N, C-alpha and C. Protein backbone atom coordinates (compact mmCIF):
# COMPACT_ATOMS: atom_id res chain seq x y z
N MET A 1 124.95 106.05 118.50
CA MET A 1 123.84 104.96 118.04
C MET A 1 124.52 103.65 117.79
N SER A 2 123.96 102.75 118.60
CA SER A 2 124.66 101.42 118.85
C SER A 2 124.18 100.49 117.64
N LYS A 3 123.12 100.69 117.15
CA LYS A 3 122.59 99.83 116.06
C LYS A 3 123.18 100.22 114.62
N THR A 4 123.47 99.09 113.88
CA THR A 4 124.14 99.25 112.61
C THR A 4 123.21 98.71 111.40
N GLY A 5 123.65 99.13 110.33
CA GLY A 5 122.78 98.45 109.04
C GLY A 5 123.47 98.42 107.91
N VAL A 6 122.98 97.57 106.84
CA VAL A 6 123.33 97.63 105.56
C VAL A 6 122.17 97.99 104.60
N ILE A 7 122.34 98.77 103.54
CA ILE A 7 121.17 99.21 102.81
C ILE A 7 121.33 98.69 101.23
N LEU A 8 120.22 98.29 100.73
CA LEU A 8 120.09 98.02 99.19
C LEU A 8 119.96 99.40 98.58
N LEU A 9 120.90 99.88 97.93
CA LEU A 9 120.86 101.08 97.30
C LEU A 9 120.92 101.21 95.87
N SER A 10 120.03 101.37 95.09
CA SER A 10 119.83 101.40 93.74
C SER A 10 120.19 102.82 93.21
N GLY A 11 119.91 103.88 94.10
CA GLY A 11 120.22 105.20 93.53
C GLY A 11 118.85 105.83 93.28
N GLY A 12 117.72 105.10 93.31
CA GLY A 12 116.36 105.57 92.84
C GLY A 12 115.77 106.34 94.25
N LEU A 13 114.62 106.65 94.05
CA LEU A 13 113.91 107.44 95.04
C LEU A 13 113.59 106.71 96.14
N ASP A 14 113.34 105.36 96.29
CA ASP A 14 112.96 104.66 97.43
C ASP A 14 114.06 104.51 98.23
N SER A 15 115.09 103.99 97.60
CA SER A 15 116.37 103.65 98.47
C SER A 15 117.07 104.77 98.95
N LEU A 16 117.09 106.01 98.12
CA LEU A 16 117.53 107.17 98.67
C LEU A 16 116.88 107.73 100.00
N VAL A 17 115.55 107.84 99.82
CA VAL A 17 114.75 108.33 100.92
C VAL A 17 114.71 107.42 102.26
N SER A 18 114.70 105.99 101.74
CA SER A 18 114.79 105.02 102.91
C SER A 18 116.07 105.24 103.67
N LEU A 19 117.23 105.44 102.98
CA LEU A 19 118.47 105.71 103.76
C LEU A 19 118.27 106.89 104.82
N ALA A 20 117.73 108.01 104.20
CA ALA A 20 117.50 109.18 104.96
C ALA A 20 116.76 108.95 106.23
N VAL A 21 115.69 107.99 106.06
CA VAL A 21 114.74 107.79 107.24
C VAL A 21 115.46 106.88 108.22
N ALA A 22 116.12 105.86 107.59
CA ALA A 22 116.68 104.75 108.43
C ALA A 22 117.91 105.31 109.20
N ARG A 23 118.56 106.36 108.91
CA ARG A 23 119.75 107.00 109.65
C ARG A 23 119.21 107.46 111.04
N LYS A 24 117.90 107.55 111.22
CA LYS A 24 117.36 107.98 112.49
C LYS A 24 117.34 106.73 113.50
N VAL A 25 117.35 105.50 112.85
CA VAL A 25 117.11 104.31 113.50
C VAL A 25 118.56 103.54 113.94
N CYS A 26 119.38 103.78 112.82
CA CYS A 26 120.67 102.96 112.95
C CYS A 26 121.74 103.75 112.22
N THR A 27 122.97 103.42 112.47
CA THR A 27 124.16 103.84 111.66
C THR A 27 124.33 103.01 110.49
N ILE A 28 124.26 103.53 109.32
CA ILE A 28 124.24 102.68 108.04
C ILE A 28 125.56 102.66 107.75
N LYS A 29 126.27 101.42 107.68
CA LYS A 29 127.67 101.15 107.59
C LYS A 29 128.03 100.93 106.06
N LEU A 30 127.13 100.29 105.34
CA LEU A 30 127.44 99.84 104.00
C LEU A 30 126.21 99.93 102.97
N ALA A 31 126.55 100.42 101.91
CA ALA A 31 125.58 100.36 100.80
C ALA A 31 125.93 99.41 99.67
N LEU A 32 124.71 98.61 99.24
CA LEU A 32 125.02 97.57 98.21
C LEU A 32 124.36 97.99 97.01
N THR A 33 124.97 97.99 95.78
CA THR A 33 124.25 98.22 94.40
C THR A 33 124.45 96.99 93.73
N PHE A 34 123.49 96.39 93.02
CA PHE A 34 123.58 95.17 92.26
C PHE A 34 123.65 95.31 90.85
N ASP A 35 124.54 94.71 90.13
CA ASP A 35 124.81 94.84 88.72
C ASP A 35 124.37 93.38 88.20
N TYR A 36 123.20 93.42 87.51
CA TYR A 36 122.73 92.18 86.89
C TYR A 36 122.58 92.43 85.34
N SER A 37 123.34 93.34 84.62
CA SER A 37 123.33 93.69 83.53
C SER A 37 122.14 94.60 82.94
N GLN A 38 121.51 95.11 84.07
CA GLN A 38 120.37 96.05 83.58
C GLN A 38 120.82 97.16 82.81
N LYS A 39 119.95 97.66 81.97
CA LYS A 39 120.31 98.62 81.02
C LYS A 39 120.77 100.00 81.75
N ALA A 40 120.13 100.31 83.09
CA ALA A 40 120.48 101.46 83.66
C ALA A 40 121.65 101.18 84.71
N CYS A 41 122.31 100.14 84.66
CA CYS A 41 123.30 99.77 85.65
C CYS A 41 124.25 100.92 85.99
N LYS A 42 124.89 101.29 84.92
CA LYS A 42 126.01 102.39 84.99
C LYS A 42 125.54 103.66 85.80
N GLU A 43 124.31 104.01 85.34
CA GLU A 43 123.71 105.30 86.01
C GLU A 43 123.28 104.97 87.45
N GLU A 44 122.86 103.67 87.56
CA GLU A 44 122.42 103.51 89.09
C GLU A 44 123.82 103.47 89.96
N VAL A 45 124.65 102.99 89.41
CA VAL A 45 126.09 102.90 90.25
C VAL A 45 126.52 104.31 90.51
N VAL A 46 126.43 105.16 89.52
CA VAL A 46 126.74 106.63 89.56
C VAL A 46 126.10 107.16 90.82
N ALA A 47 124.83 107.09 90.55
CA ALA A 47 123.79 107.79 91.49
C ALA A 47 124.10 107.08 92.92
N ALA A 48 124.10 105.85 93.22
CA ALA A 48 124.32 105.35 94.48
C ALA A 48 125.58 105.59 95.03
N SER A 49 126.68 105.79 94.18
CA SER A 49 128.04 106.25 94.71
C SER A 49 127.95 107.71 95.20
N LYS A 50 127.31 108.54 94.42
CA LYS A 50 127.22 109.95 94.96
C LYS A 50 126.43 110.03 96.26
N ILE A 51 125.33 109.33 96.29
CA ILE A 51 124.60 109.33 97.60
C ILE A 51 125.35 108.68 98.73
N SER A 52 126.09 107.64 98.60
CA SER A 52 126.94 107.04 99.46
C SER A 52 128.09 108.07 99.94
N ARG A 53 128.57 108.76 99.17
CA ARG A 53 129.57 109.69 99.38
C ARG A 53 128.87 110.87 100.17
N PHE A 54 127.73 111.29 99.85
CA PHE A 54 127.01 112.41 100.63
C PHE A 54 126.82 111.98 102.02
N TYR A 55 126.46 110.78 102.34
CA TYR A 55 126.15 110.38 103.68
C TYR A 55 127.30 109.75 104.33
N GLY A 56 128.38 109.70 103.51
CA GLY A 56 129.68 109.04 104.31
C GLY A 56 129.63 107.49 104.58
N ILE A 57 128.99 106.82 103.50
CA ILE A 57 128.85 105.37 103.80
C ILE A 57 129.71 104.46 102.74
N GLU A 58 130.25 103.46 103.22
CA GLU A 58 131.08 102.68 102.29
C GLU A 58 130.03 102.05 101.19
N HIS A 59 130.38 102.09 99.89
CA HIS A 59 129.62 101.58 98.73
C HIS A 59 130.31 100.41 98.01
N LYS A 60 129.55 99.31 97.98
CA LYS A 60 129.95 98.20 97.16
C LYS A 60 129.00 97.80 95.97
N VAL A 61 129.64 97.47 94.77
CA VAL A 61 128.78 97.00 93.65
C VAL A 61 128.99 95.53 93.71
N VAL A 62 127.66 94.78 93.73
CA VAL A 62 127.88 93.28 93.69
C VAL A 62 127.47 92.89 92.13
N LYS A 63 128.32 92.14 91.60
CA LYS A 63 127.88 91.62 90.27
C LYS A 63 127.11 90.25 90.38
N LEU A 64 126.20 90.17 89.50
CA LEU A 64 125.31 88.93 89.72
C LEU A 64 125.05 88.68 88.04
N PRO A 65 126.23 88.09 87.45
CA PRO A 65 126.00 87.84 86.01
C PRO A 65 125.01 86.77 85.70
N PHE A 66 124.97 85.70 86.60
CA PHE A 66 123.99 84.66 86.13
C PHE A 66 122.61 85.13 86.15
N LEU A 67 122.30 86.22 86.91
CA LEU A 67 120.91 86.72 86.86
C LEU A 67 120.48 87.27 85.54
N SER A 68 121.44 87.94 84.83
CA SER A 68 121.02 88.34 83.46
C SER A 68 120.91 87.21 82.54
N GLU A 69 121.52 86.17 82.80
CA GLU A 69 121.37 84.88 81.88
C GLU A 69 119.91 84.29 81.96
N ILE A 70 119.25 84.53 83.12
CA ILE A 70 117.93 83.84 83.27
C ILE A 70 116.75 85.06 83.15
N THR A 71 117.21 86.11 82.92
CA THR A 71 116.34 87.28 82.79
C THR A 71 116.21 87.80 81.46
N ASN A 72 115.00 87.70 80.97
CA ASN A 72 114.68 88.32 79.57
C ASN A 72 113.57 89.18 79.60
N ASN A 73 113.88 90.44 79.99
CA ASN A 73 112.66 91.53 80.01
C ASN A 73 113.28 92.86 79.65
N ALA A 74 112.18 93.82 79.86
CA ALA A 74 112.60 95.13 79.30
C ALA A 74 113.68 95.74 80.13
N LEU A 75 114.06 95.36 81.36
CA LEU A 75 115.10 95.89 82.14
C LEU A 75 116.55 95.59 81.44
N THR A 76 116.70 94.33 80.98
CA THR A 76 117.79 93.94 80.43
C THR A 76 118.05 93.76 78.91
N ASP A 77 116.93 93.96 78.12
CA ASP A 77 116.94 93.89 76.67
C ASP A 77 117.08 95.19 76.20
N ASP A 78 118.12 95.47 75.49
CA ASP A 78 118.28 96.78 74.81
C ASP A 78 117.32 97.13 73.79
N SER A 79 116.68 96.14 73.05
CA SER A 79 115.81 96.36 72.10
C SER A 79 114.47 96.60 72.58
N ALA A 80 114.34 96.39 73.86
CA ALA A 80 112.81 96.64 74.38
C ALA A 80 112.64 98.09 74.79
N VAL A 81 111.39 98.45 74.48
CA VAL A 81 111.03 99.91 74.91
C VAL A 81 110.14 99.89 76.02
N LEU A 82 110.57 100.66 77.05
CA LEU A 82 109.73 100.62 78.29
C LEU A 82 108.88 101.80 78.25
N ASN A 83 107.63 101.55 77.66
CA ASN A 83 106.66 102.55 77.48
C ASN A 83 105.31 102.04 77.80
N PHE A 84 104.84 102.33 79.00
CA PHE A 84 103.51 101.64 79.39
C PHE A 84 102.46 102.81 79.60
N GLU A 85 101.27 102.39 79.15
CA GLU A 85 100.07 103.42 79.26
C GLU A 85 99.60 103.28 80.78
N LYS A 86 99.58 102.02 81.18
CA LYS A 86 98.93 101.82 82.68
C LYS A 86 100.14 101.14 83.41
N LEU A 87 100.06 101.43 84.74
CA LEU A 87 100.91 100.73 85.76
C LEU A 87 100.14 99.76 86.47
N ASP A 88 100.24 98.37 85.97
CA ASP A 88 99.31 97.49 86.34
C ASP A 88 100.24 96.24 86.32
N GLU A 89 99.56 94.88 86.36
CA GLU A 89 100.33 93.74 86.50
C GLU A 89 101.10 93.39 85.21
N ASN A 90 100.51 93.96 84.08
CA ASN A 90 101.38 93.85 82.81
C ASN A 90 102.60 94.48 82.70
N SER A 91 102.55 95.78 83.21
CA SER A 91 103.83 96.47 83.26
C SER A 91 104.72 96.00 84.26
N ALA A 92 104.24 95.53 85.41
CA ALA A 92 105.13 94.75 86.27
C ALA A 92 105.84 93.49 85.84
N LYS A 93 105.07 92.73 85.05
CA LYS A 93 105.72 91.57 84.38
C LYS A 93 106.71 91.90 83.39
N ALA A 94 106.55 93.10 82.85
CA ALA A 94 107.66 93.44 81.81
C ALA A 94 108.96 93.74 82.40
N VAL A 95 109.04 93.97 83.65
CA VAL A 95 110.14 94.51 84.30
C VAL A 95 110.43 93.50 85.56
N TRP A 96 109.90 92.32 85.55
CA TRP A 96 110.08 91.40 86.62
C TRP A 96 111.34 90.55 86.40
N VAL A 97 112.22 90.74 87.50
CA VAL A 97 113.61 89.99 87.55
C VAL A 97 113.28 88.86 88.50
N PRO A 98 113.56 87.48 88.13
CA PRO A 98 113.15 86.51 89.05
C PRO A 98 113.78 86.45 90.33
N ASN A 99 113.04 86.51 91.40
CA ASN A 99 113.48 86.54 92.86
C ASN A 99 114.36 87.81 93.06
N ARG A 100 114.26 88.94 92.47
CA ARG A 100 115.26 90.08 92.76
C ARG A 100 115.38 90.34 94.03
N ASN A 101 114.32 90.77 94.83
CA ASN A 101 114.35 91.24 96.08
C ASN A 101 114.82 90.24 97.14
N GLY A 102 114.33 89.00 96.78
CA GLY A 102 114.70 87.83 97.68
C GLY A 102 116.09 87.60 97.67
N LEU A 103 116.68 87.63 96.38
CA LEU A 103 118.14 87.48 96.23
C LEU A 103 118.93 88.61 96.82
N PHE A 104 118.51 89.76 96.66
CA PHE A 104 119.22 90.97 97.21
C PHE A 104 119.28 90.92 98.71
N LEU A 105 118.16 90.58 99.26
CA LEU A 105 118.06 90.56 100.64
C LEU A 105 118.91 89.47 101.28
N ASN A 106 118.86 88.47 100.71
CA ASN A 106 119.82 87.35 101.11
C ASN A 106 121.29 87.63 101.15
N ILE A 107 121.72 88.34 100.09
CA ILE A 107 122.99 88.69 99.84
C ILE A 107 123.30 89.62 100.97
N ALA A 108 122.56 90.65 101.23
CA ALA A 108 122.65 91.65 102.28
C ALA A 108 122.76 91.05 103.56
N ALA A 109 121.91 89.82 103.83
CA ALA A 109 121.97 89.28 105.11
C ALA A 109 123.25 88.50 105.28
N SER A 110 123.94 88.00 104.33
CA SER A 110 125.26 87.45 104.45
C SER A 110 126.21 88.49 104.90
N TYR A 111 126.20 89.72 104.24
CA TYR A 111 127.04 90.83 104.78
C TYR A 111 126.63 91.13 106.26
N ALA A 112 125.38 91.32 106.55
CA ALA A 112 125.01 91.62 107.91
C ALA A 112 125.46 90.68 108.82
N ASP A 113 125.35 89.30 108.51
CA ASP A 113 125.75 88.39 109.41
C ASP A 113 127.28 88.32 109.68
N SER A 114 127.99 88.42 108.57
CA SER A 114 129.34 88.41 108.63
C SER A 114 130.11 89.72 109.37
N LEU A 115 129.35 90.87 109.07
CA LEU A 115 130.00 92.02 109.72
C LEU A 115 129.27 92.45 111.05
N GLY A 116 128.32 91.74 111.43
CA GLY A 116 127.56 92.13 112.74
C GLY A 116 126.46 93.18 112.72
N PHE A 117 125.87 93.55 111.41
CA PHE A 117 124.93 94.55 111.39
C PHE A 117 123.59 94.04 111.83
N ASP A 118 122.85 94.98 112.43
CA ASP A 118 121.56 94.80 112.99
C ASP A 118 120.31 94.77 112.02
N TYR A 119 120.49 95.52 111.06
CA TYR A 119 119.44 95.90 110.22
C TYR A 119 119.78 95.61 108.59
N ILE A 120 118.75 95.35 107.82
CA ILE A 120 119.01 95.37 106.24
C ILE A 120 117.82 96.33 105.85
N ILE A 121 118.34 97.45 105.28
CA ILE A 121 117.28 98.53 104.79
C ILE A 121 116.99 98.25 103.27
N ILE A 122 115.65 98.33 103.08
CA ILE A 122 115.19 98.07 101.72
C ILE A 122 114.11 99.18 101.42
N GLY A 123 113.99 99.59 100.15
CA GLY A 123 113.03 100.68 99.77
C GLY A 123 111.68 100.27 99.44
N ALA A 124 111.19 99.08 100.09
CA ALA A 124 109.86 98.70 99.67
C ALA A 124 108.74 99.70 100.08
N ASN A 125 107.81 99.90 99.38
CA ASN A 125 106.70 100.88 99.61
C ASN A 125 105.37 100.30 99.35
N GLN A 126 104.44 100.99 99.87
CA GLN A 126 102.95 100.47 99.69
C GLN A 126 102.31 100.58 98.23
N GLU A 127 102.87 101.55 97.62
CA GLU A 127 102.41 101.81 96.18
C GLU A 127 102.78 100.63 95.35
N GLU A 128 103.98 100.22 95.32
CA GLU A 128 104.53 99.24 94.47
C GLU A 128 104.16 97.74 95.02
N ALA A 129 103.90 97.66 96.29
CA ALA A 129 103.37 96.35 96.85
C ALA A 129 102.12 95.98 96.05
N GLY A 130 101.43 96.98 95.36
CA GLY A 130 100.08 96.42 94.81
C GLY A 130 100.42 95.66 93.61
N THR A 131 101.50 95.96 92.97
CA THR A 131 101.90 95.14 91.69
C THR A 131 103.08 94.31 91.89
N PHE A 132 104.01 94.61 92.83
CA PHE A 132 105.04 93.72 92.99
C PHE A 132 105.10 93.10 94.39
N PRO A 133 104.72 91.86 94.44
CA PRO A 133 104.58 91.13 95.77
C PRO A 133 105.86 91.22 96.67
N ASP A 134 106.93 91.34 95.97
CA ASP A 134 108.17 91.26 96.91
C ASP A 134 108.37 92.79 97.36
N ASN A 135 107.46 93.62 97.43
CA ASN A 135 107.40 94.86 98.08
C ASN A 135 106.47 94.79 99.35
N SER A 136 105.73 93.75 99.33
CA SER A 136 104.66 93.80 100.52
C SER A 136 105.07 93.53 101.75
N GLU A 137 104.42 93.84 102.77
CA GLU A 137 104.71 93.57 104.28
C GLU A 137 104.77 92.19 104.49
N GLU A 138 103.84 91.26 103.83
CA GLU A 138 103.96 89.78 104.11
C GLU A 138 105.15 89.19 103.54
N PHE A 139 105.68 89.77 102.48
CA PHE A 139 106.84 89.19 102.02
C PHE A 139 108.08 89.51 103.02
N LEU A 140 108.19 90.80 103.30
CA LEU A 140 109.18 91.11 104.23
C LEU A 140 109.14 90.50 105.56
N ASP A 141 107.93 90.07 106.19
CA ASP A 141 107.83 89.42 107.42
C ASP A 141 108.24 87.97 107.19
N ARG A 142 108.03 87.47 106.05
CA ARG A 142 108.45 86.00 105.91
C ARG A 142 109.90 85.96 105.81
N VAL A 143 110.62 86.89 105.05
CA VAL A 143 112.03 86.86 104.89
C VAL A 143 112.68 87.15 106.38
N ASP A 144 112.04 88.04 107.04
CA ASP A 144 112.47 88.16 108.48
C ASP A 144 112.59 86.92 109.32
N LYS A 145 111.67 86.10 109.08
CA LYS A 145 111.55 84.92 109.78
C LYS A 145 112.65 84.00 109.35
N PHE A 146 112.70 84.03 107.97
CA PHE A 146 113.80 83.14 107.28
C PHE A 146 115.10 83.43 107.90
N PHE A 147 115.53 84.71 108.19
CA PHE A 147 116.90 84.98 108.64
C PHE A 147 117.08 84.55 110.14
N GLU A 148 115.99 84.22 110.74
CA GLU A 148 116.24 83.81 112.11
C GLU A 148 116.76 82.29 112.15
N TYR A 149 116.63 81.54 111.02
CA TYR A 149 117.37 80.23 110.95
C TYR A 149 118.58 80.43 109.97
N SER A 150 118.74 81.16 108.94
CA SER A 150 119.69 81.25 108.18
C SER A 150 121.03 82.21 108.47
N THR A 151 120.80 82.94 109.58
CA THR A 151 121.96 83.74 110.03
C THR A 151 122.20 83.54 111.64
N MET A 152 123.25 83.87 112.07
CA MET A 152 123.61 83.76 113.46
C MET A 152 123.26 85.13 114.28
N LYS A 153 123.30 86.18 113.42
CA LYS A 153 123.25 87.58 113.90
C LYS A 153 121.70 88.02 113.88
N HIS A 154 120.86 87.22 113.02
CA HIS A 154 119.53 87.62 112.96
C HIS A 154 119.21 89.03 112.74
N PRO A 155 119.69 89.57 111.54
CA PRO A 155 119.45 90.93 111.32
C PRO A 155 117.91 91.06 110.87
N LYS A 156 117.38 92.33 111.25
CA LYS A 156 115.99 92.38 110.97
C LYS A 156 115.80 93.38 109.74
N ILE A 157 114.84 93.17 108.87
CA ILE A 157 114.53 94.02 107.69
C ILE A 157 113.81 95.23 108.08
N LEU A 158 114.38 96.42 107.77
CA LEU A 158 113.88 97.55 108.10
C LEU A 158 113.41 98.36 106.64
N ALA A 159 112.17 98.41 106.53
CA ALA A 159 111.50 99.05 105.37
C ALA A 159 110.67 100.36 105.77
N PRO A 160 111.35 101.29 105.90
CA PRO A 160 110.75 102.64 106.58
C PRO A 160 109.59 103.22 105.69
N LEU A 161 109.54 102.83 104.40
CA LEU A 161 108.44 103.31 103.69
C LEU A 161 107.48 102.45 103.24
N LYS A 162 107.40 101.37 103.91
CA LYS A 162 106.50 100.39 103.53
C LYS A 162 104.93 100.80 103.72
N GLU A 163 104.40 101.85 104.32
CA GLU A 163 103.22 102.26 104.49
C GLU A 163 102.92 103.60 103.67
N MET A 164 103.94 103.79 102.86
CA MET A 164 103.93 105.20 102.16
C MET A 164 103.61 105.05 100.59
N GLN A 165 102.85 105.86 100.04
CA GLN A 165 102.74 106.17 98.54
C GLN A 165 103.81 106.99 98.00
N LYS A 166 103.97 106.89 96.79
CA LYS A 166 105.25 107.56 96.06
C LYS A 166 105.21 109.07 96.42
N TYR A 167 103.98 109.75 96.41
CA TYR A 167 103.91 111.22 96.63
C TYR A 167 104.29 111.58 98.06
N GLU A 168 103.98 110.76 98.92
CA GLU A 168 104.39 110.76 100.50
C GLU A 168 105.73 110.72 100.53
N ILE A 169 106.43 109.87 99.70
CA ILE A 169 107.95 109.75 99.79
C ILE A 169 108.62 111.06 99.24
N ILE A 170 107.93 111.42 98.32
CA ILE A 170 108.57 112.92 97.56
C ILE A 170 108.33 113.89 98.76
N ASN A 171 107.12 113.81 99.28
CA ASN A 171 106.96 115.04 100.27
C ASN A 171 107.86 114.96 101.54
N TYR A 172 108.15 113.74 101.91
CA TYR A 172 109.02 113.54 102.98
C TYR A 172 110.45 114.16 102.58
N ALA A 173 110.90 113.72 101.51
CA ALA A 173 112.16 114.20 100.94
C ALA A 173 112.31 115.56 101.01
N ILE A 174 111.23 116.33 100.57
CA ILE A 174 111.21 117.82 100.37
C ILE A 174 111.26 118.47 101.68
N LYS A 175 110.48 117.86 102.59
CA LYS A 175 110.33 118.46 103.97
C LYS A 175 111.67 118.46 104.69
N ASN A 176 112.41 117.07 104.51
CA ASN A 176 113.64 116.80 105.21
C ASN A 176 114.98 117.01 104.56
N ASN A 177 114.71 117.76 103.47
CA ASN A 177 116.00 118.09 102.55
C ASN A 177 116.86 116.86 102.13
N VAL A 178 116.13 115.94 101.81
CA VAL A 178 116.80 114.81 101.21
C VAL A 178 117.44 115.23 99.93
N PRO A 179 118.70 114.89 99.70
CA PRO A 179 119.33 115.25 98.21
C PRO A 179 118.81 114.71 97.14
N LEU A 180 117.68 115.08 96.67
CA LEU A 180 116.97 114.54 95.42
C LEU A 180 117.78 114.59 94.19
N LYS A 181 118.61 115.76 94.16
CA LYS A 181 119.45 115.77 92.92
C LYS A 181 120.34 114.70 92.55
N TYR A 182 120.49 113.89 93.46
CA TYR A 182 121.43 112.57 93.09
C TYR A 182 120.71 111.49 92.67
N LEU A 183 119.31 111.39 92.75
CA LEU A 183 118.64 110.17 92.42
C LEU A 183 118.58 109.89 90.91
N LYS A 184 118.45 108.60 90.62
CA LYS A 184 118.21 107.99 89.45
C LYS A 184 117.07 107.08 89.29
N SER A 185 115.90 107.46 88.99
CA SER A 185 114.69 106.55 88.88
C SER A 185 114.27 106.20 87.57
N CYS A 186 115.09 105.78 86.72
CA CYS A 186 114.86 105.51 85.23
C CYS A 186 115.34 104.03 84.92
N TYR A 187 114.48 103.16 84.27
CA TYR A 187 114.90 101.94 83.78
C TYR A 187 115.72 102.06 82.62
N ASN A 188 115.53 102.95 81.82
CA ASN A 188 116.11 102.96 80.48
C ASN A 188 117.53 103.76 80.71
N SER A 189 118.58 103.21 79.97
CA SER A 189 119.90 103.86 80.29
C SER A 189 119.88 105.21 79.44
N SER A 190 120.34 106.19 80.08
CA SER A 190 120.51 107.50 79.22
C SER A 190 121.68 108.35 79.60
N LEU A 191 122.77 107.51 79.90
CA LEU A 191 124.05 108.22 80.27
C LEU A 191 124.55 109.24 79.15
N ASN A 192 124.30 108.89 77.97
CA ASN A 192 124.90 109.79 76.97
C ASN A 192 123.63 110.68 76.27
N SER A 193 122.53 110.53 76.71
CA SER A 193 121.46 111.31 76.07
C SER A 193 121.31 112.60 76.39
N GLY A 194 121.97 113.10 77.51
CA GLY A 194 121.69 114.55 77.89
C GLY A 194 120.47 114.58 78.68
N LYS A 195 119.81 113.49 79.03
CA LYS A 195 118.47 113.52 79.72
C LYS A 195 118.50 112.56 81.00
N LYS A 196 118.13 113.21 82.13
CA LYS A 196 118.40 112.23 83.25
C LYS A 196 117.44 111.12 83.42
N HIS A 197 116.09 111.47 82.92
CA HIS A 197 115.15 110.47 83.07
C HIS A 197 114.27 110.28 81.60
N CYS A 198 114.00 109.22 81.16
CA CYS A 198 113.39 108.94 79.92
C CYS A 198 111.85 109.48 80.02
N GLY A 199 111.23 109.40 80.98
CA GLY A 199 109.97 109.93 81.14
C GLY A 199 108.83 108.86 80.64
N GLU A 200 109.29 107.65 80.31
CA GLU A 200 108.37 106.68 79.62
C GLU A 200 108.36 105.47 80.45
N CYS A 201 109.20 105.02 81.15
CA CYS A 201 109.36 103.72 81.71
C CYS A 201 108.48 103.72 82.98
N GLU A 202 108.09 102.53 83.53
CA GLU A 202 107.18 102.48 84.60
C GLU A 202 107.89 103.19 85.91
N SER A 203 109.15 103.20 86.07
CA SER A 203 109.73 103.95 87.20
C SER A 203 109.44 105.39 87.05
N CYS A 204 109.81 105.83 85.83
CA CYS A 204 109.66 107.29 85.50
C CYS A 204 108.14 107.76 85.72
N LYS A 205 107.23 106.88 85.24
CA LYS A 205 105.89 107.38 85.33
C LYS A 205 105.40 107.45 86.84
N ARG A 206 105.92 106.51 87.71
CA ARG A 206 105.71 106.65 88.97
C ARG A 206 106.19 107.81 89.66
N LEU A 207 107.49 108.17 89.17
CA LEU A 207 108.04 109.50 89.79
C LEU A 207 107.18 110.63 89.32
N ARG A 208 107.00 110.59 88.06
CA ARG A 208 106.19 111.79 87.49
C ARG A 208 104.88 112.07 88.15
N ASP A 209 104.08 110.97 88.42
CA ASP A 209 102.91 111.07 89.00
C ASP A 209 102.90 111.55 90.53
N ALA A 210 104.09 110.93 91.23
CA ALA A 210 104.47 111.30 92.64
C ALA A 210 104.66 112.81 92.66
N ILE A 211 105.51 113.38 91.86
CA ILE A 211 105.73 114.68 91.92
C ILE A 211 104.55 115.73 91.58
N LEU A 212 103.72 115.30 90.62
CA LEU A 212 102.57 115.95 90.29
C LEU A 212 101.55 115.93 91.48
N LYS A 213 101.53 115.07 92.40
CA LYS A 213 100.74 115.03 93.52
C LYS A 213 101.39 115.49 94.81
N SER A 214 102.63 115.82 94.69
CA SER A 214 103.37 116.21 95.88
C SER A 214 103.15 117.86 96.16
N VAL A 215 103.91 118.30 97.10
CA VAL A 215 103.68 119.74 97.42
C VAL A 215 104.54 120.63 96.63
N ASN A 216 105.53 120.11 95.76
CA ASN A 216 106.11 120.89 94.92
C ASN A 216 106.32 120.33 93.47
N LYS A 217 105.36 120.54 92.70
CA LYS A 217 105.21 120.06 91.16
C LYS A 217 106.29 120.67 90.39
N ASP A 218 106.99 121.71 90.79
CA ASP A 218 108.06 122.24 90.04
C ASP A 218 109.34 121.37 89.96
N LEU A 219 109.14 120.29 90.78
CA LEU A 219 110.42 119.19 90.74
C LEU A 219 110.51 118.69 89.38
N LEU A 220 109.40 118.64 88.62
CA LEU A 220 109.38 118.00 87.30
C LEU A 220 110.51 118.48 86.50
N LYS A 221 110.79 119.82 86.42
CA LYS A 221 111.82 120.16 85.44
C LYS A 221 113.18 119.82 86.02
N ASP A 222 113.40 119.23 87.09
CA ASP A 222 114.72 118.70 87.51
C ASP A 222 115.01 117.32 86.99
N PHE A 223 113.88 116.63 86.73
CA PHE A 223 114.03 115.15 86.29
C PHE A 223 113.58 114.92 84.82
N PHE A 224 112.81 115.71 84.21
CA PHE A 224 112.37 115.42 82.91
C PHE A 224 112.56 116.53 81.92
């Protein structure tokens, strides 16, 4: 396979399954995990490292200390409780990091341009595009056009889940034996709690809802 890529790998459901799908399109050479002092950073790095080792991919952690200085929300504030009744614009605002996906994609583009990669893989999906505009196809298309001017290699964004709902992502993972045991899809840090996922944050609620709609509801016991 001649095409190569770099993936944004948080260790969560979307990035894990995106990696599994994208491997059919290109050889993924590098996985990037970003540290912006989010509460779940240590666990995200652990999960992403395990996933990278499983697939035989180089893994790098990129530190972005400045981002935590301008971010004051439930992802970075230890005193904040991520507990939402509804998944809507308010819950999205509570975990919004300024220009996060734009920044991550630009950093990945720098790696791709320098190392000669053809693709940048991101776990954007249709479900979250409803509340997070930087998951939308319009956003991804515009960033793609931007890279035509800001890079010499002109890497293309590959978002293999962009037309999928979360339960469809879970179903794909089950059908194709994606190693779900490695994923970490929780915004609250729980390294020392003995519990893999808090079950209350926005990410956990999306994961729980997806499993309940999937072909294997018994997966719940593996995560909550």
